[in-house]
Protein backbone atom coordinates (compact mmCIF):
# COMPACT_ATOMS: atom_id res chain seq x y z
CA UNK A 1 -165.40 -20.64 -131.78
CA UNK A 2 -163.80 -21.34 -128.45
CA UNK A 3 -161.66 -18.50 -127.13
CA UNK A 4 -157.92 -19.10 -127.31
CA UNK A 5 -156.28 -19.71 -123.98
CA UNK A 6 -153.66 -17.19 -122.97
CA UNK A 7 -150.08 -17.86 -121.89
CA UNK A 8 -149.45 -19.37 -118.47
CA UNK A 9 -148.88 -16.53 -116.02
CA UNK A 10 -146.16 -16.53 -113.39
CA UNK A 11 -147.35 -17.93 -110.04
CA UNK A 12 -145.36 -15.27 -108.17
CA UNK A 13 -147.48 -13.44 -105.57
CA UNK A 14 -144.76 -11.13 -104.30
CA UNK A 15 -143.93 -13.13 -101.15
CA UNK A 16 -140.38 -13.82 -102.25
CA UNK A 17 -138.57 -15.44 -99.33
CA UNK A 18 -137.22 -18.96 -99.11
CA UNK A 19 -138.51 -21.64 -96.77
CA UNK A 20 -136.14 -24.00 -95.02
CA UNK A 21 -136.58 -26.57 -97.77
CA UNK A 22 -135.38 -24.14 -100.46
CA UNK A 23 -138.81 -23.37 -101.95
CA UNK A 24 -140.27 -19.88 -102.24
CA UNK A 25 -142.91 -19.21 -99.56
CA UNK A 26 -145.16 -17.44 -102.04
CA UNK A 27 -145.08 -19.51 -105.25
CA UNK A 28 -143.54 -22.79 -103.98
CA UNK A 29 -140.93 -22.81 -106.75
CA UNK A 30 -137.24 -23.57 -106.31
CA UNK A 31 -134.71 -20.89 -107.22
CA UNK A 32 -133.72 -22.81 -110.35
CA UNK A 33 -137.35 -22.94 -111.48
CA UNK A 34 -137.81 -19.21 -110.89
CA UNK A 35 -134.63 -18.41 -112.85
CA UNK A 36 -135.62 -20.72 -115.71
CA UNK A 37 -139.19 -19.38 -116.03
CA UNK A 38 -138.41 -16.76 -118.75
CA UNK A 39 -136.84 -19.45 -120.98
CA UNK A 40 -139.55 -22.09 -120.43
CA UNK A 41 -142.06 -22.91 -123.12
CA UNK A 42 -145.71 -22.59 -122.20
CA UNK A 43 -146.18 -26.37 -121.90
CA UNK A 44 -143.36 -26.55 -119.36
CA UNK A 45 -144.78 -23.57 -117.45
CA UNK A 46 -148.20 -25.17 -117.35
CA UNK A 47 -146.80 -28.51 -116.14
CA UNK A 48 -144.88 -26.79 -113.34
CA UNK A 49 -147.86 -24.63 -112.30
CA UNK A 50 -150.16 -27.66 -112.10
CA UNK A 51 -147.77 -29.40 -109.69
CA UNK A 52 -147.36 -26.48 -107.27
CA UNK A 53 -150.53 -27.12 -105.20
CA UNK A 54 -149.23 -30.62 -104.39
CA UNK A 55 -146.12 -29.03 -102.84
CA UNK A 56 -148.30 -27.12 -100.38
CA UNK A 57 -149.57 -30.47 -99.11
CA UNK A 58 -146.14 -32.07 -99.04
CA UNK A 59 -145.97 -34.49 -96.07
CA UNK A 60 -142.97 -34.76 -93.81
CA UNK A 61 -142.91 -38.52 -94.36
CA UNK A 62 -143.13 -39.19 -98.07
CA UNK A 63 -143.08 -42.95 -97.58
CA UNK A 64 -146.77 -42.90 -96.55
CA UNK A 65 -147.58 -42.19 -100.22
CA UNK A 66 -145.82 -45.35 -101.44
CA UNK A 67 -147.88 -48.59 -101.50
CA UNK A 68 -144.72 -50.72 -101.76
CA UNK A 69 -143.05 -49.17 -98.71
CA UNK A 70 -143.48 -52.11 -96.31
CA UNK A 71 -142.06 -54.60 -98.81
CA UNK A 72 -139.17 -52.28 -99.62
CA UNK A 73 -138.34 -51.91 -95.94
CA UNK A 74 -137.94 -55.68 -95.72
CA UNK A 75 -136.03 -55.95 -98.99
CA UNK A 76 -133.49 -53.12 -98.71
CA UNK A 77 -130.36 -52.63 -96.66
CA UNK A 78 -130.67 -49.88 -94.00
CA UNK A 79 -129.52 -46.42 -95.00
CA UNK A 80 -126.68 -46.52 -92.47
CA UNK A 81 -125.37 -49.90 -93.67
CA UNK A 82 -121.78 -49.92 -94.90
CA UNK A 83 -121.80 -50.60 -98.67
CA UNK A 84 -120.21 -53.93 -99.58
CA UNK A 85 -116.66 -53.51 -100.91
CA UNK A 86 -117.42 -55.86 -103.80
CA UNK A 87 -120.27 -55.62 -106.30
CA UNK A 88 -122.81 -58.45 -106.51
CA UNK A 89 -121.78 -58.85 -110.15
CA UNK A 90 -118.00 -58.76 -109.59
CA UNK A 91 -117.44 -62.38 -110.65
CA UNK A 92 -118.83 -61.59 -114.09
CA UNK A 93 -116.20 -58.87 -114.57
CA UNK A 94 -113.16 -60.83 -113.44
CA UNK A 95 -110.17 -59.75 -115.57
CA UNK A 96 -112.13 -56.99 -117.32
CA UNK A 97 -111.93 -54.18 -114.76
CA UNK A 98 -109.30 -51.41 -114.90
CA UNK A 99 -106.37 -51.79 -112.47
CA UNK A 100 -106.58 -50.38 -108.95
CA UNK A 101 -109.45 -50.04 -106.48
CA UNK A 102 -112.83 -48.98 -107.83
CA UNK A 103 -114.07 -45.41 -107.42
CA UNK A 104 -117.11 -45.02 -105.15
CA UNK A 105 -120.29 -43.80 -106.81
CA UNK A 106 -123.97 -43.55 -105.91
CA UNK A 107 -127.24 -43.29 -107.81
CA UNK A 108 -130.77 -42.39 -106.75
CA UNK A 109 -133.38 -45.01 -107.69
CA UNK A 110 -136.34 -42.69 -107.23
CA UNK A 111 -139.88 -44.07 -106.91
CA UNK A 112 -142.75 -41.68 -107.64
CA UNK A 113 -146.20 -42.56 -106.21
CA UNK A 114 -148.79 -41.75 -108.89
CA UNK A 115 -152.55 -42.29 -108.89
CA UNK A 116 -152.04 -44.85 -111.65
CA UNK A 117 -149.29 -46.70 -109.76
CA UNK A 118 -145.70 -46.21 -108.66
CA UNK A 119 -143.20 -45.17 -111.32
CA UNK A 120 -139.39 -45.13 -111.49
CA UNK A 121 -137.71 -41.83 -112.42
CA UNK A 122 -134.95 -42.16 -115.02
CA UNK A 123 -132.85 -39.80 -117.08
CA UNK A 124 -131.29 -39.97 -120.53
CA UNK A 125 -127.80 -38.54 -120.45
CA UNK A 126 -126.68 -35.79 -122.79
CA UNK A 127 -125.28 -37.20 -126.04
CA UNK A 128 -122.10 -35.16 -125.72
CA UNK A 129 -120.95 -36.61 -122.39
CA UNK A 130 -117.63 -38.45 -122.46
CA UNK A 131 -118.94 -41.43 -120.50
CA UNK A 132 -122.27 -43.11 -121.21
CA UNK A 133 -123.52 -40.29 -123.46
CA UNK A 134 -127.09 -40.85 -124.62
CA UNK A 135 -127.67 -43.74 -122.23
CA UNK A 136 -130.54 -44.12 -119.78
CA UNK A 137 -129.45 -43.89 -116.16
CA UNK A 138 -130.45 -42.99 -112.65
CA UNK A 139 -129.37 -39.56 -111.39
CA UNK A 140 -126.02 -39.96 -109.66
CA UNK A 141 -122.27 -39.94 -109.94
CA UNK A 142 -119.00 -40.16 -108.07
CA UNK A 143 -118.93 -39.87 -104.27
CA UNK A 144 -116.96 -36.67 -103.59
CA UNK A 145 -114.70 -36.01 -100.62
CA UNK A 146 -117.27 -33.59 -99.19
CA UNK A 147 -120.09 -36.16 -99.24
CA UNK A 148 -120.88 -37.74 -95.88
CA UNK A 149 -121.80 -41.04 -97.54
CA UNK A 150 -123.39 -42.59 -100.62
CA UNK A 151 -126.82 -41.24 -99.66
CA UNK A 152 -125.48 -37.68 -99.51
CA UNK A 153 -123.75 -38.15 -102.88
CA UNK A 154 -126.92 -39.46 -104.56
CA UNK A 155 -128.96 -36.54 -103.21
CA UNK A 156 -126.34 -33.96 -104.24
CA UNK A 157 -126.03 -35.38 -107.75
CA UNK A 158 -129.83 -35.49 -108.14
CA UNK A 159 -130.05 -31.82 -107.21
CA UNK A 160 -127.28 -30.94 -109.66
CA UNK A 161 -128.70 -33.00 -112.52
CA UNK A 162 -132.48 -32.51 -112.25
CA UNK A 163 -132.98 -29.92 -109.43
CA UNK A 164 -134.47 -32.47 -107.01
CA UNK A 165 -134.50 -30.69 -103.65
CA UNK A 166 -133.95 -32.45 -100.35
CA UNK A 167 -137.47 -31.69 -99.14
CA UNK A 168 -138.92 -33.45 -102.18
CA UNK A 169 -137.24 -36.82 -101.65
CA UNK A 170 -137.00 -39.36 -98.82
CA UNK A 171 -134.33 -42.09 -99.00
CA UNK A 172 -135.61 -45.39 -97.61
CA UNK A 173 -132.83 -47.96 -98.13
CA UNK A 174 -129.93 -49.32 -100.18
CA UNK A 175 -129.61 -51.99 -102.83
CA UNK A 176 -126.55 -54.20 -103.26
CA UNK A 177 -123.43 -52.48 -104.59
CA UNK A 178 -122.81 -52.91 -108.31
CA UNK A 179 -119.46 -52.93 -110.13
CA UNK A 180 -119.29 -51.20 -113.52
CA UNK A 181 -116.96 -52.08 -116.36
CA UNK A 182 -115.59 -48.52 -116.16
CA UNK A 183 -114.20 -49.06 -112.64
CA UNK A 184 -116.92 -47.69 -110.35
CA UNK A 185 -118.51 -49.37 -107.35
CA UNK A 186 -122.07 -48.02 -107.32
CA UNK A 187 -124.35 -47.86 -104.28
CA UNK A 188 -127.99 -47.52 -105.39
CA UNK A 189 -130.08 -45.45 -102.96
CA UNK A 190 -133.81 -46.20 -103.19
CA UNK A 191 -135.96 -43.18 -102.37
CA UNK A 192 -139.50 -41.82 -102.58
CA UNK A 193 -139.92 -38.70 -104.72
CA UNK A 194 -142.89 -36.43 -104.10
CA UNK A 195 -145.34 -36.52 -107.04
CA UNK A 196 -145.34 -32.72 -107.08
CA UNK A 197 -141.69 -32.65 -108.17
CA UNK A 198 -141.08 -31.18 -111.62
CA UNK A 199 -137.59 -32.01 -112.96
CA UNK A 200 -135.44 -29.21 -114.30
CA UNK A 201 -132.70 -31.02 -116.26
CA UNK A 202 -129.17 -29.61 -116.26
CA UNK A 203 -128.73 -29.18 -120.03
CA UNK A 204 -125.04 -30.03 -119.89
CA UNK A 205 -125.72 -33.44 -118.35
CA UNK A 206 -129.32 -34.54 -118.90
CA UNK A 207 -131.20 -34.62 -122.19
CA UNK A 208 -134.48 -35.99 -120.86
CA UNK A 209 -136.25 -37.08 -117.66
CA UNK A 210 -139.00 -39.70 -117.86
CA UNK A 211 -140.84 -42.25 -115.73
CA UNK A 212 -141.52 -45.96 -116.23
CA UNK A 213 -144.14 -47.95 -114.26
CA UNK A 214 -142.52 -49.98 -111.49
CA UNK A 215 -144.81 -52.91 -112.30
CA UNK A 216 -143.42 -53.04 -115.85
CA UNK A 217 -139.82 -53.07 -114.63
CA UNK A 218 -140.52 -55.72 -111.99
CA UNK A 219 -142.19 -58.13 -114.46
CA UNK A 220 -139.62 -60.82 -115.39
CA UNK A 221 -140.86 -61.16 -118.99
CA UNK A 222 -140.03 -57.51 -119.73
CA UNK A 223 -136.31 -58.02 -119.04
CA UNK A 224 -134.12 -59.81 -121.55
CA UNK A 225 -130.50 -60.92 -121.69
CA UNK A 226 -128.31 -59.84 -124.59
CA UNK A 227 -125.08 -61.71 -125.44
CA UNK A 228 -122.07 -59.72 -126.54
CA UNK A 229 -118.28 -59.95 -126.61
CA UNK A 230 -115.88 -57.76 -124.63
CA UNK A 231 -112.11 -58.08 -124.86
CA UNK A 232 -112.53 -61.43 -126.54
CA UNK A 233 -114.79 -62.80 -123.81
CA UNK A 234 -118.53 -63.47 -123.98
CA UNK A 235 -120.68 -61.31 -121.73
CA UNK A 236 -124.37 -60.98 -121.02
CA UNK A 237 -126.04 -57.64 -120.36
CA UNK A 238 -129.62 -56.98 -119.29
CA UNK A 239 -132.02 -54.79 -121.23
CA UNK A 240 -135.55 -53.36 -121.16
CA UNK A 241 -137.40 -51.52 -123.89
CA UNK A 242 -139.85 -48.84 -122.86
CA UNK A 243 -141.49 -46.64 -125.47
CA UNK A 244 -138.52 -45.26 -127.41
CA UNK A 245 -136.06 -45.76 -124.55
CA UNK A 246 -133.48 -48.52 -124.27
CA UNK A 247 -132.78 -49.23 -120.60
CA UNK A 248 -129.74 -51.47 -120.38
CA UNK A 249 -126.40 -52.13 -118.70
CA UNK A 250 -125.92 -50.94 -115.13
CA UNK A 251 -129.36 -49.32 -114.92
CA UNK A 252 -131.16 -52.50 -115.98
CA UNK A 253 -128.98 -54.58 -113.64
CA UNK A 254 -129.81 -52.34 -110.66
CA UNK A 255 -133.52 -52.70 -111.44
CA UNK A 256 -133.03 -56.48 -111.66
CA UNK A 257 -131.39 -56.43 -108.23
CA UNK A 258 -134.39 -54.51 -106.87
CA UNK A 259 -136.73 -57.13 -108.34
CA UNK A 260 -134.79 -60.05 -106.88
CA UNK A 261 -134.68 -58.50 -103.42
CA UNK A 262 -138.43 -57.83 -103.51
CA UNK A 263 -139.08 -61.39 -104.69
CA UNK A 264 -137.06 -62.70 -101.76
CA UNK A 265 -139.40 -61.06 -99.22
CA UNK A 266 -142.69 -61.64 -101.03
């Protein structure tokens, strides 16, 4: 018989001080990961431990890991561009939006360079949330008064939702603003996420974190249009299926916008 493998041991080596990027100098874990260790199952501990060596080799410029970087640089708006005051889809929502100006929001469209190809990081929201519960989305939310801009909001929300630290992500550009039926004007921030990142979902907000190959999401035949009726008017929403996940609505539309902008510079 093969000997049974023991439980995954803590990577702590007793050098317990924080680096400037918020990771422990000794074990390369974030504070949230250290605090969550006692409650983690062994599979989660093993997955985190296997990613830690990659953090030791973390480059200052994450974009060098991304094969699509040059095309994205041509396709995206600069990070310091002022977001358009009107979503690219606003005409489709004429007469359906709530009264008053839209609330500013931002999401992080994170790209993860893997050996098998670039993937897109997505979350499934907690079923109990008042808005969009159970739906697939990018990390993100409302732009708060303390946020310098949409980029800062997307990074803050990503940290709060999945413990993505600033040193593990590099924003590279903006997509077109998108208007939601709930009255938000969303600025999507495209960013590179280090492959050594291990998400730690906030259980009150995020039920699951998963990745989908970018090639799959950029293939036109994998995106379909679904007709529905809203307030007595016909509407069309976009939708992908991936494994057991339904990626639709604003998230699918933002991915469609990314595809169209990349096609325009191909």
